[in-house]
């Protein structure tokens, strides 16, 4: 007898439908799975057989069982097909009514005792079920909150094979799982760090505020212990709050990566990813034998922090150039091409020299000018070209550490950032540009007009401070953001002067230690 069960698989961060066809016929006993299954799918036959027997049902004896996963030209991987295969076998053996099978997408991993374990990508699967007009999704209890974020489709959580069989046979009903989206969003959008915890470093806090307001990538340069990492970890707290659409986008990526099992139903905070400098190209950009999102995609709508920037492999840094420009990553394989979103802000930190003490007020640097220049040159010009702000981070003074003055909280800084972002939204309405950092030449000519004194100051800076030609556009963009923070229509001389300060690596005297 033949049965068909609807299931789903993940390609990139989106789901597509997989039909699990089961045929049970007389003949030489066997159990085969076709349709490009990977090893974990092939192993499902042992899990399914044990789960059925241990759930007090009888696995069809002495029969030839053939499972086809359609479409047959796409690779199927993961244990999420265990449950639909088990249901399909029992339906083909007349142990389950076929009436409800057309209404639901079924996914789940089976344990040998018949219990159902969590699987990846349930949010994407629920979105697909709604789009395709299915009544609901039957999935593991552990994935219920995550999938229930999607409205307009019934989420039926089951904890064992016996429960789903009784539900499909109408022995008892299971009410659709519901969550309060507003309450979940509010509970998930809490940060556990704050800028008020950082003593001193007003200059760096100002640079981070400008970075957040204009979407500018930023590089911090300072000796060990100056607070670079502490500042970086608090940077997401001053970025604009995530909306529901951004939260779902971010949650989808983490769901298909298997990072949601111990988390809440929704990721509503800006993600902060800080990979170690030994990371590989595939770990950073995504890929592998079975493509997976990399750190740039896991940082989507958030922050990618690269500490000790020159210590990263040169190839790893170079692969950042495309996602920084296009805000997406395309991974091509012989059989398919997968695109992952990668709209993130790059925040990085480094020591000023190999020993780390070139700018330290009390500790002497043991590096020669040539060693310092070689150290900085590990970061390529094209990558630096995509970093708008380079700022020096000084050592925190003792008087600042013991000061009782309360520093500004992240909430206060974020309010100014939100105001500047709204100005930019109105400015770029109807375009694909959202921040000042993404402006092209024509936008610079339109929105970054300078008066004569400002032009004179910028010309003087480029000629006297040894600023590179590429610094010109960066200074204009940052100046525009500073003006937006002040709610000013035009860029002023003071805006230009402040923006010039944030170009440390363009100054030749800094590189060679003159």
Protein backbone atom coordinates (compact mmCIF):
# COMPACT_ATOMS: atom_id res chain seq x y z
CA UNK A 1 0.00 0.00 0.00
CA UNK A 2 1.13 3.55 -0.72
CA UNK A 3 1.01 6.60 1.55
CA UNK A 4 2.21 10.18 1.21
CA UNK A 5 3.25 12.50 4.02
CA UNK A 6 4.16 16.17 3.64
CA UNK A 7 7.44 17.30 5.19
CA UNK A 8 10.00 20.05 4.57
CA UNK A 9 13.73 20.62 4.32
CA UNK A 10 15.96 23.68 4.49
CA UNK A 11 17.89 25.25 1.61
CA UNK A 12 19.86 28.27 2.75
CA UNK A 13 17.59 29.84 5.35
CA UNK A 14 14.29 29.02 3.61
CA UNK A 15 12.25 25.84 3.61
CA UNK A 16 10.99 23.86 0.65
CA UNK A 17 8.44 21.06 0.54
CA UNK A 18 9.50 17.42 0.61
CA UNK A 19 6.95 14.67 -0.03
CA UNK A 20 7.69 11.45 1.82
CA UNK A 21 6.27 8.60 -0.24
CA UNK A 22 6.08 5.19 1.43
CA UNK A 23 5.35 1.95 -0.38
CA UNK A 24 4.90 -1.35 1.48
CA UNK A 25 4.66 -4.42 -0.72
CA UNK A 26 5.16 -8.18 -0.53
CA UNK A 27 8.57 -9.41 -1.48
CA UNK A 28 12.03 -9.86 -0.12
CA UNK A 29 12.10 -8.04 3.26
CA UNK A 30 14.01 -4.75 3.08
CA UNK A 31 13.98 -1.07 3.98
CA UNK A 32 15.42 1.39 1.46
CA UNK A 33 15.41 5.19 1.33
CA UNK A 34 15.86 6.93 -2.03
CA UNK A 35 15.84 10.57 -3.08
CA UNK A 36 19.46 11.63 -2.36
CA UNK A 37 19.44 10.93 1.40
CA UNK A 38 22.58 11.60 3.42
CA UNK A 39 23.92 9.23 6.06
CA UNK A 40 21.70 10.54 8.86
CA UNK A 41 18.59 10.05 6.71
CA UNK A 42 19.64 6.53 5.75
CA UNK A 43 20.11 5.70 9.42
CA UNK A 44 16.52 6.72 10.12
CA UNK A 45 15.33 3.20 9.32
CA UNK A 46 16.87 1.88 12.54
CA UNK A 47 15.51 4.74 14.65
CA UNK A 48 12.05 4.43 13.09
CA UNK A 49 11.83 0.66 13.58
CA UNK A 50 12.84 0.86 17.26
CA UNK A 51 10.56 3.87 17.91
CA UNK A 52 7.52 2.12 16.43
CA UNK A 53 8.11 -1.10 18.37
CA UNK A 54 8.84 0.74 21.63
CA UNK A 55 5.65 2.80 21.23
CA UNK A 56 3.59 -0.39 21.56
CA UNK A 57 2.90 -0.67 17.83
CA UNK A 58 4.04 -3.40 15.49
CA UNK A 59 6.48 -2.56 12.74
CA UNK A 60 5.37 -4.22 9.45
CA UNK A 61 7.13 -7.62 9.42
CA UNK A 62 8.59 -9.34 6.40
CA UNK A 63 7.67 -6.60 3.95
CA UNK A 64 9.57 -4.62 1.35
CA UNK A 65 9.47 -0.97 2.41
CA UNK A 66 10.57 1.76 -0.02
CA UNK A 67 10.80 5.41 1.03
CA UNK A 68 11.09 8.11 -1.63
CA UNK A 69 11.93 11.70 -0.67
CA UNK A 70 10.66 13.96 -3.43
CA UNK A 71 12.03 16.05 -5.15
CA UNK A 72 14.65 13.39 -5.74
CA UNK A 73 17.26 15.73 -7.23
CA UNK A 74 17.98 17.64 -4.00
CA UNK A 75 20.22 16.36 -1.24
CA UNK A 76 18.28 15.53 1.94
CA UNK A 77 20.16 15.76 5.21
CA UNK A 78 19.42 15.66 8.91
CA UNK A 79 17.16 13.58 11.15
CA UNK A 80 14.02 15.69 10.68
CA UNK A 81 12.52 13.08 8.32
CA UNK A 82 12.32 10.40 11.04
CA UNK A 83 8.81 11.37 12.12
CA UNK A 84 7.22 11.70 8.65
CA UNK A 85 8.82 8.39 7.61
CA UNK A 86 7.39 6.65 10.69
CA UNK A 87 3.96 8.20 10.08
CA UNK A 88 4.11 7.24 6.42
CA UNK A 89 4.96 3.59 7.21
CA UNK A 90 2.15 3.30 9.72
CA UNK A 91 -0.30 4.98 7.33
CA UNK A 92 0.73 2.59 4.52
CA UNK A 93 0.18 -0.29 6.94
CA UNK A 94 -3.34 1.03 7.73
CA UNK A 95 -2.49 1.99 11.33
CA UNK A 96 -3.16 5.72 10.67
CA UNK A 97 -6.03 7.41 8.86
CA UNK A 98 -4.96 9.29 5.74
CA UNK A 99 -7.53 12.08 6.16
CA UNK A 100 -5.30 14.63 7.94
CA UNK A 101 -2.04 13.88 6.17
CA UNK A 102 -2.70 16.41 3.39
CA UNK A 103 -3.32 19.22 5.89
CA UNK A 104 -0.07 19.20 7.83
CA UNK A 105 3.66 19.38 7.32
CA UNK A 106 5.37 16.94 9.68
CA UNK A 107 8.98 17.14 10.95
CA UNK A 108 10.80 15.62 13.91
CA UNK A 109 13.68 13.42 15.03
CA UNK A 110 12.79 10.14 16.75
CA UNK A 111 14.50 8.61 19.73
CA UNK A 112 14.54 4.85 20.09
CA UNK A 113 11.85 5.02 22.80
CA UNK A 114 9.47 6.91 20.50
CA UNK A 115 9.99 10.37 21.97
CA UNK A 116 10.51 13.26 19.56
CA UNK A 117 13.57 15.51 19.64
CA UNK A 118 14.04 19.08 18.38
CA UNK A 119 15.15 19.77 14.81
CA UNK A 120 16.60 22.76 12.98
CA UNK A 121 14.77 25.35 10.92
CA UNK A 122 11.25 25.11 12.35
CA UNK A 123 10.63 28.85 11.99
CA UNK A 124 11.41 28.67 8.27
CA UNK A 125 9.21 25.57 7.94
CA UNK A 126 6.28 27.31 9.65
CA UNK A 127 6.67 30.32 7.33
CA UNK A 128 6.68 27.98 4.33
CA UNK A 129 3.57 26.14 5.58
CA UNK A 130 1.68 29.42 5.87
CA UNK A 131 2.83 30.54 2.43
CA UNK A 132 1.72 27.25 0.84
CA UNK A 133 -1.68 27.29 2.56
CA UNK A 134 -1.27 24.31 4.88
CA UNK A 135 -3.48 24.10 7.94
CA UNK A 136 -0.55 23.55 10.28
CA UNK A 137 2.78 22.02 11.18
CA UNK A 138 3.26 19.00 13.45
CA UNK A 139 6.63 19.29 15.12
CA UNK A 140 8.58 18.54 18.32
CA UNK A 141 7.44 20.13 21.56
CA UNK A 142 10.87 21.76 21.94
CA UNK A 143 10.36 23.75 18.71
CA UNK A 144 6.81 24.91 19.48
CA UNK A 145 7.59 28.42 20.76
CA UNK A 146 9.91 29.15 17.86
CA UNK A 147 7.37 28.12 15.21
CA UNK A 148 4.42 29.78 17.00
CA UNK A 149 5.94 33.16 16.18
CA UNK A 150 4.34 32.66 12.76
CA UNK A 151 0.67 33.63 12.80
CA UNK A 152 -1.93 32.17 10.48
CA UNK A 153 -0.87 28.53 10.73
CA UNK A 154 -1.60 25.93 13.46
CA UNK A 155 1.45 24.74 15.37
CA UNK A 156 0.79 21.25 16.77
CA UNK A 157 3.52 20.22 19.25
CA UNK A 158 3.96 16.51 19.93
CA UNK A 159 6.29 14.82 22.37
CA UNK A 160 6.06 11.19 21.25
CA UNK A 161 5.12 9.00 18.31
CA UNK A 162 2.11 7.67 20.20
CA UNK A 163 0.72 11.21 20.64
CA UNK A 164 0.89 12.07 16.93
CA UNK A 165 -0.74 8.75 15.95
CA UNK A 166 -3.62 9.36 18.36
CA UNK A 167 -4.00 12.91 17.01
CA UNK A 168 -4.06 11.78 13.38
CA UNK A 169 -6.54 9.03 14.23
CA UNK A 170 -8.82 11.58 15.97
CA UNK A 171 -8.60 9.74 19.30
CA UNK A 172 -7.95 13.14 20.90
CA UNK A 173 -7.26 16.66 19.72
CA UNK A 174 -4.24 18.86 20.37
CA UNK A 175 -4.92 22.60 20.62
CA UNK A 176 -2.59 24.74 18.47
CA UNK A 177 0.31 26.19 20.42
CA UNK A 178 0.05 29.96 20.95
CA UNK A 179 2.43 32.57 22.30
CA UNK A 180 2.08 36.29 23.01
CA UNK A 181 4.33 37.87 20.39
CA UNK A 182 4.41 41.24 22.15
CA UNK A 183 5.37 39.66 25.47
CA UNK A 184 7.99 37.39 23.87
CA UNK A 185 9.46 40.29 21.91
CA UNK A 186 9.69 42.46 25.03
CA UNK A 187 11.23 39.64 27.08
CA UNK A 188 13.78 38.83 24.39
CA UNK A 189 14.88 42.40 23.69
CA UNK A 190 16.76 42.90 26.95
CA UNK A 191 20.51 43.52 27.03
CA UNK A 192 22.52 42.54 30.08
CA UNK A 193 25.28 45.14 29.65
CA UNK A 194 25.18 48.92 29.46
CA UNK A 195 27.41 51.81 28.44
CA UNK A 196 27.03 53.33 31.90
CA UNK A 197 29.36 50.57 33.16
CA UNK A 198 32.28 51.97 31.16
CA UNK A 199 34.43 54.50 33.01
CA UNK A 200 35.93 57.36 31.02
CA UNK A 201 36.64 56.91 27.29
CA UNK A 202 34.28 59.70 26.27
CA UNK A 203 36.08 60.17 22.96
CA UNK A 204 35.62 56.51 22.03
CA UNK A 205 32.00 56.49 23.18
CA UNK A 206 31.39 59.44 20.90
CA UNK A 207 32.97 57.58 17.96
CA UNK A 208 30.80 54.52 18.68
CA UNK A 209 27.70 56.71 18.80
CA UNK A 210 28.57 58.17 15.39
CA UNK A 211 29.23 54.67 14.08
CA UNK A 212 25.83 53.44 15.29
CA UNK A 213 24.01 56.50 13.96
CA UNK A 214 25.39 56.29 10.43
CA UNK A 215 26.01 52.55 10.05
CA UNK A 216 29.76 53.15 9.84
CA UNK A 217 32.26 50.34 10.36
CA UNK A 218 34.81 51.16 13.04
CA UNK A 219 38.33 50.12 14.05
CA UNK A 220 39.67 50.73 17.57
CA UNK A 221 43.45 50.92 18.07
CA UNK A 222 44.88 50.87 21.57
CA UNK A 223 47.15 49.07 24.03
CA UNK A 224 46.04 46.00 26.01
CA UNK A 225 43.68 46.81 28.87
CA UNK A 226 42.37 50.06 27.43
CA UNK A 227 38.80 48.74 27.27
CA UNK A 228 38.38 47.98 23.56
CA UNK A 229 36.54 44.70 24.07
CA UNK A 230 34.39 46.07 26.89
CA UNK A 231 33.28 48.95 24.69
CA UNK A 232 32.64 46.64 21.74
CA UNK A 233 30.41 44.29 23.74
CA UNK A 234 28.18 47.22 24.69
CA UNK A 235 27.95 48.59 21.17
CA UNK A 236 24.76 46.63 20.23
CA UNK A 237 22.94 48.29 23.15
CA UNK A 238 23.02 51.69 21.41
CA UNK A 239 21.89 50.43 18.01
CA UNK A 240 18.22 51.03 17.11
CA UNK A 241 15.76 48.50 18.51
CA UNK A 242 14.98 45.57 16.23
CA UNK A 243 11.55 45.42 14.65
CA UNK A 244 9.62 42.16 14.28
CA UNK A 245 10.70 41.66 10.67
CA UNK A 246 14.39 41.96 11.61
CA UNK A 247 13.88 39.66 14.59
CA UNK A 248 12.32 36.95 12.40
CA UNK A 249 15.13 37.29 9.83
CA UNK A 250 17.75 36.88 12.54
CA UNK A 251 15.91 34.01 14.22
CA UNK A 252 15.62 32.12 10.91
CA UNK A 253 19.39 32.15 10.46
CA UNK A 254 20.04 30.92 13.99
CA UNK A 255 17.27 28.33 13.70
CA UNK A 256 18.70 26.69 10.56
CA UNK A 257 22.12 26.75 12.25
CA UNK A 258 20.77 24.80 15.23
CA UNK A 259 21.40 27.62 17.70
CA UNK A 260 17.85 28.02 19.01
CA UNK A 261 17.40 24.91 21.13
CA UNK A 262 18.34 26.53 24.41
CA UNK A 263 17.13 30.02 23.57
CA UNK A 264 13.78 31.81 23.58
CA UNK A 265 11.32 31.70 20.73
CA UNK A 266 12.64 34.89 19.15
CA UNK A 267 15.95 36.70 18.93
CA UNK A 268 15.05 40.36 19.47
CA UNK A 269 18.46 41.79 20.37
CA UNK A 270 21.20 42.82 17.98
CA UNK A 271 23.55 39.87 17.72
CA UNK A 272 27.18 40.31 18.78
CA UNK A 273 29.47 37.73 17.20
CA UNK A 274 33.15 37.63 18.13
CA UNK A 275 34.95 34.77 16.34
CA UNK A 276 38.50 33.76 17.33
CA UNK A 277 41.28 34.83 15.00
CA UNK A 278 41.94 31.18 14.05
CA UNK A 279 38.60 30.96 12.23
CA UNK A 280 38.62 29.53 8.69
CA UNK A 281 37.26 31.10 5.51
CA UNK A 282 34.20 28.81 5.62
CA UNK A 283 33.63 29.58 9.29
CA UNK A 284 33.61 33.31 8.56
CA UNK A 285 31.73 33.43 5.28
CA UNK A 286 29.75 30.19 5.44
CA UNK A 287 29.98 27.01 3.40
CA UNK A 288 31.35 23.55 4.01
CA UNK A 289 30.44 20.21 2.44
CA UNK A 290 26.86 20.89 3.55
CA UNK A 291 26.64 24.73 3.39
CA UNK A 292 26.01 26.45 6.70
CA UNK A 293 25.73 30.16 7.57
CA UNK A 294 29.03 31.70 8.64
CA UNK A 295 29.76 34.39 11.22
CA UNK A 296 28.88 37.18 8.79
CA UNK A 297 25.35 35.77 8.45
CA UNK A 298 24.99 34.97 12.15
CA UNK A 299 25.78 38.68 12.65
CA UNK A 300 22.92 39.72 10.34
CA UNK A 301 21.18 42.84 11.71
CA UNK A 302 23.87 42.97 14.40
CA UNK A 303 27.59 43.36 14.99
CA UNK A 304 30.59 41.32 13.88
CA UNK A 305 33.50 42.07 16.22
CA UNK A 306 37.01 41.07 15.16
CA UNK A 307 39.42 41.42 18.06
CA UNK A 308 43.17 41.48 17.32
CA UNK A 309 42.40 42.20 13.68
CA UNK A 310 45.95 41.72 12.25
CA UNK A 311 46.08 38.21 13.76
CA UNK A 312 43.34 36.95 11.44
CA UNK A 313 44.43 35.06 8.36
CA UNK A 314 44.71 37.41 5.38
CA UNK A 315 42.33 35.27 3.30
CA UNK A 316 39.71 35.35 6.05
CA UNK A 317 39.78 39.15 6.12
CA UNK A 318 39.62 39.41 2.35
CA UNK A 319 36.41 37.35 2.12
CA UNK A 320 34.70 40.07 4.18
CA UNK A 321 34.90 42.54 1.34
CA UNK A 322 31.95 41.20 -0.67
CA UNK A 323 29.43 40.91 2.21
CA UNK A 324 30.45 44.36 3.48
CA UNK A 325 29.59 45.72 0.05
CA UNK A 326 26.60 43.58 -0.98
CA UNK A 327 25.15 42.68 2.46
CA UNK A 328 24.73 39.06 1.39
CA UNK A 329 26.84 35.97 0.78
CA UNK A 330 26.42 33.60 -2.14
CA UNK A 331 27.93 30.13 -1.80
CA UNK A 332 28.14 28.25 -5.08
CA UNK A 333 28.41 24.51 -5.37
CA UNK A 334 28.23 22.21 -8.40
CA UNK A 335 24.64 21.23 -7.61
CA UNK A 336 23.24 24.49 -6.24
CA UNK A 337 23.87 28.07 -5.18
CA UNK A 338 22.80 29.34 -1.75
CA UNK A 339 22.48 32.95 -0.66
CA UNK A 340 22.60 34.01 2.99
CA UNK A 341 21.81 37.53 4.22
CA UNK A 342 24.77 39.33 5.80
CA UNK A 343 23.83 42.91 6.68
CA UNK A 344 26.04 43.60 9.66
CA UNK A 345 28.24 46.30 11.14
CA UNK A 346 31.94 45.51 11.35
CA UNK A 347 33.55 46.48 14.64
CA UNK A 348 37.21 45.63 15.06
CA UNK A 349 40.07 46.19 17.48
CA UNK A 350 43.83 45.89 17.38
CA UNK A 351 46.99 46.77 19.24
CA UNK A 352 49.04 49.65 17.81
CA UNK A 353 52.09 47.40 17.35
CA UNK A 354 53.19 43.77 17.87
CA UNK A 355 54.13 44.32 21.53
CA UNK A 356 51.01 46.44 22.10
CA UNK A 357 52.55 49.40 23.93
CA UNK A 358 53.35 51.95 21.21
CA UNK A 359 50.81 54.45 22.57
CA UNK A 360 51.03 53.44 26.23
CA UNK A 361 51.86 56.40 28.52
CA UNK A 362 54.11 54.44 30.92
CA UNK A 363 55.25 51.25 29.20
CA UNK A 364 57.92 51.49 26.53
CA UNK A 365 57.34 50.01 23.07
CA UNK A 366 59.99 47.52 21.95
CA UNK A 367 59.01 47.58 18.27
CA UNK A 368 60.85 49.37 15.49
CA UNK A 369 58.99 51.68 13.07
CA UNK A 370 59.38 49.01 10.40
CA UNK A 371 57.81 46.37 12.65
CA UNK A 372 54.88 48.66 13.37
CA UNK A 373 54.35 49.41 9.70
CA UNK A 374 54.53 45.71 8.82
CA UNK A 375 52.01 44.93 11.56
CA UNK A 376 49.52 47.48 10.24
CA UNK A 377 50.07 46.35 6.65
CA UNK A 378 48.57 42.94 7.51
CA UNK A 379 45.23 44.65 6.98
CA UNK A 380 44.71 45.25 3.26
CA UNK A 381 43.85 48.62 1.80
CA UNK A 382 40.55 47.42 0.25
CA UNK A 383 39.35 46.23 3.66
CA UNK A 384 40.43 49.46 5.38
CA UNK A 385 38.61 51.28 2.60
CA UNK A 386 35.36 49.83 3.99
CA UNK A 387 36.06 51.02 7.55
CA UNK A 388 35.00 54.64 7.99
CA UNK A 389 36.32 55.35 11.47
CA UNK A 390 39.79 54.54 12.88
CA UNK A 391 40.10 55.72 16.47
CA UNK A 392 42.88 55.58 19.05
CA UNK A 393 41.81 54.16 22.43
CA UNK A 394 43.91 55.59 25.28
CA UNK A 395 44.61 53.90 28.59
CA UNK A 396 41.98 54.70 31.24
CA UNK A 397 43.34 56.97 33.97
CA UNK A 398 43.03 56.06 37.65
CA UNK A 399 40.98 59.19 38.35
CA UNK A 400 38.40 58.01 35.81
CA UNK A 401 38.25 54.51 37.27
CA UNK A 402 37.40 55.79 40.77
CA UNK A 403 35.14 58.61 39.59
CA UNK A 404 31.64 58.67 41.08
CA UNK A 405 30.21 60.52 38.11
CA UNK A 406 27.49 58.44 36.48
CA UNK A 407 28.20 57.80 32.78
CA UNK A 408 25.48 58.07 30.14
CA UNK A 409 23.37 54.96 29.82
CA UNK A 410 22.85 53.06 26.60
CA UNK A 411 19.20 54.19 26.59
CA UNK A 412 20.19 57.88 26.47
CA UNK A 413 22.73 57.32 23.68
CA UNK A 414 20.33 55.13 21.73
CA UNK A 415 17.71 57.89 21.74
CA UNK A 416 20.12 60.17 19.85
CA UNK A 417 21.04 57.35 17.48
CA UNK A 418 17.37 56.66 16.74
CA UNK A 419 16.78 60.33 15.98
CA UNK A 420 19.68 60.41 13.50
CA UNK A 421 18.53 57.17 11.87
CA UNK A 422 15.02 58.59 11.33
CA UNK A 423 16.57 61.57 9.56
CA UNK A 424 18.43 59.19 7.24
CA UNK A 425 15.33 57.09 6.60
CA UNK A 426 13.50 60.20 5.41
CA UNK A 427 16.51 61.29 3.33
CA UNK A 428 16.92 57.98 1.49
CA UNK A 429 13.25 57.04 1.26
CA UNK A 430 12.52 55.14 -1.94
CA UNK A 431 16.13 53.98 -2.40
CA UNK A 432 18.03 50.88 -1.32
CA UNK A 433 20.21 53.00 0.97
CA UNK A 434 19.44 53.07 4.69
CA UNK A 435 22.51 54.66 6.31
CA UNK A 436 24.95 57.43 5.49
CA UNK A 437 27.72 54.83 5.33
CA UNK A 438 26.16 53.37 2.17
CA UNK A 439 26.06 56.60 0.19
CA UNK A 440 27.56 56.59 -3.30
CA UNK A 441 29.23 59.46 -5.20
CA UNK A 442 25.95 60.97 -6.40
CA UNK A 443 24.55 61.00 -2.87
CA UNK A 444 27.70 62.65 -1.55
CA UNK A 445 27.33 65.41 -4.13
CA UNK A 446 23.69 65.90 -3.17
CA UNK A 447 23.72 65.56 0.62
CA UNK A 448 27.28 66.53 1.61
CA UNK A 449 27.63 70.05 0.25
CA UNK A 450 30.36 72.08 1.97
CA UNK A 451 30.73 75.81 2.38
CA UNK A 452 34.03 77.54 1.62
CA UNK A 453 35.51 77.31 5.17
CA UNK A 454 34.70 73.59 5.38
CA UNK A 455 36.24 72.94 1.97
CA UNK A 456 39.35 74.81 3.02
CA UNK A 457 39.67 72.81 6.24
CA UNK A 458 39.26 69.50 4.42
CA UNK A 459 41.82 70.49 1.79
CA UNK A 460 44.29 71.51 4.48
CA UNK A 461 43.80 68.23 6.33
CA UNK A 462 44.41 66.12 3.25
CA UNK A 463 47.55 68.06 2.32
CA UNK A 464 49.12 68.59 5.76
CA UNK A 465 48.17 65.39 7.61
CA UNK A 466 48.94 63.04 4.76
CA UNK A 467 45.37 61.76 4.50
CA UNK A 468 44.76 59.41 1.59
CA UNK A 469 42.42 60.19 -1.28
CA UNK A 470 39.98 57.49 -0.14
CA UNK A 471 39.69 59.26 3.22
CA UNK A 472 37.89 62.14 1.49
CA UNK A 473 34.62 60.25 0.95
CA UNK A 474 34.81 58.69 4.41
CA UNK A 475 35.20 62.08 6.07
CA UNK A 476 32.20 63.44 4.16
CA UNK A 477 30.01 60.50 5.19
CA UNK A 478 31.02 60.72 8.84
CA UNK A 479 30.53 64.50 8.79
CA UNK A 480 27.01 63.99 7.45
CA UNK A 481 26.26 61.62 10.34
CA UNK A 482 27.65 64.05 12.92
CA UNK A 483 25.41 66.75 11.47
CA UNK A 484 22.43 64.38 11.66
CA UNK A 485 23.15 63.73 15.35
CA UNK A 486 23.00 67.50 15.84
CA UNK A 487 19.80 67.64 13.75
CA UNK A 488 21.56 70.11 11.46
CA UNK A 489 20.64 70.45 7.80
CA UNK A 490 24.10 71.45 6.60
CA UNK A 491 27.58 70.14 7.40
CA UNK A 492 29.64 72.65 9.36
CA UNK A 493 33.35 73.21 9.84
CA UNK A 494 33.20 71.64 13.30
CA UNK A 495 31.61 68.49 11.80
CA UNK A 496 34.47 68.21 9.31
CA UNK A 497 37.06 68.80 12.02
CA UNK A 498 35.61 66.05 14.21
CA UNK A 499 35.40 63.59 11.30
CA UNK A 500 39.07 64.17 10.46
CA UNK A 501 40.02 62.99 13.96
CA UNK A 502 38.60 59.55 13.20
CA UNK A 503 41.12 58.67 10.46
CA UNK A 504 44.12 57.46 12.47
CA UNK A 505 45.38 54.94 9.95
CA UNK A 506 45.46 57.49 7.14
CA UNK A 507 48.13 59.54 8.91
CA UNK A 508 51.60 58.62 7.71
CA UNK A 509 53.26 59.85 10.90
CA UNK A 510 51.30 57.30 12.96
CA UNK A 511 52.32 54.37 10.79
CA UNK A 512 56.06 54.89 11.01
CA UNK A 513 56.16 56.25 14.53
CA UNK A 514 57.61 59.67 13.65
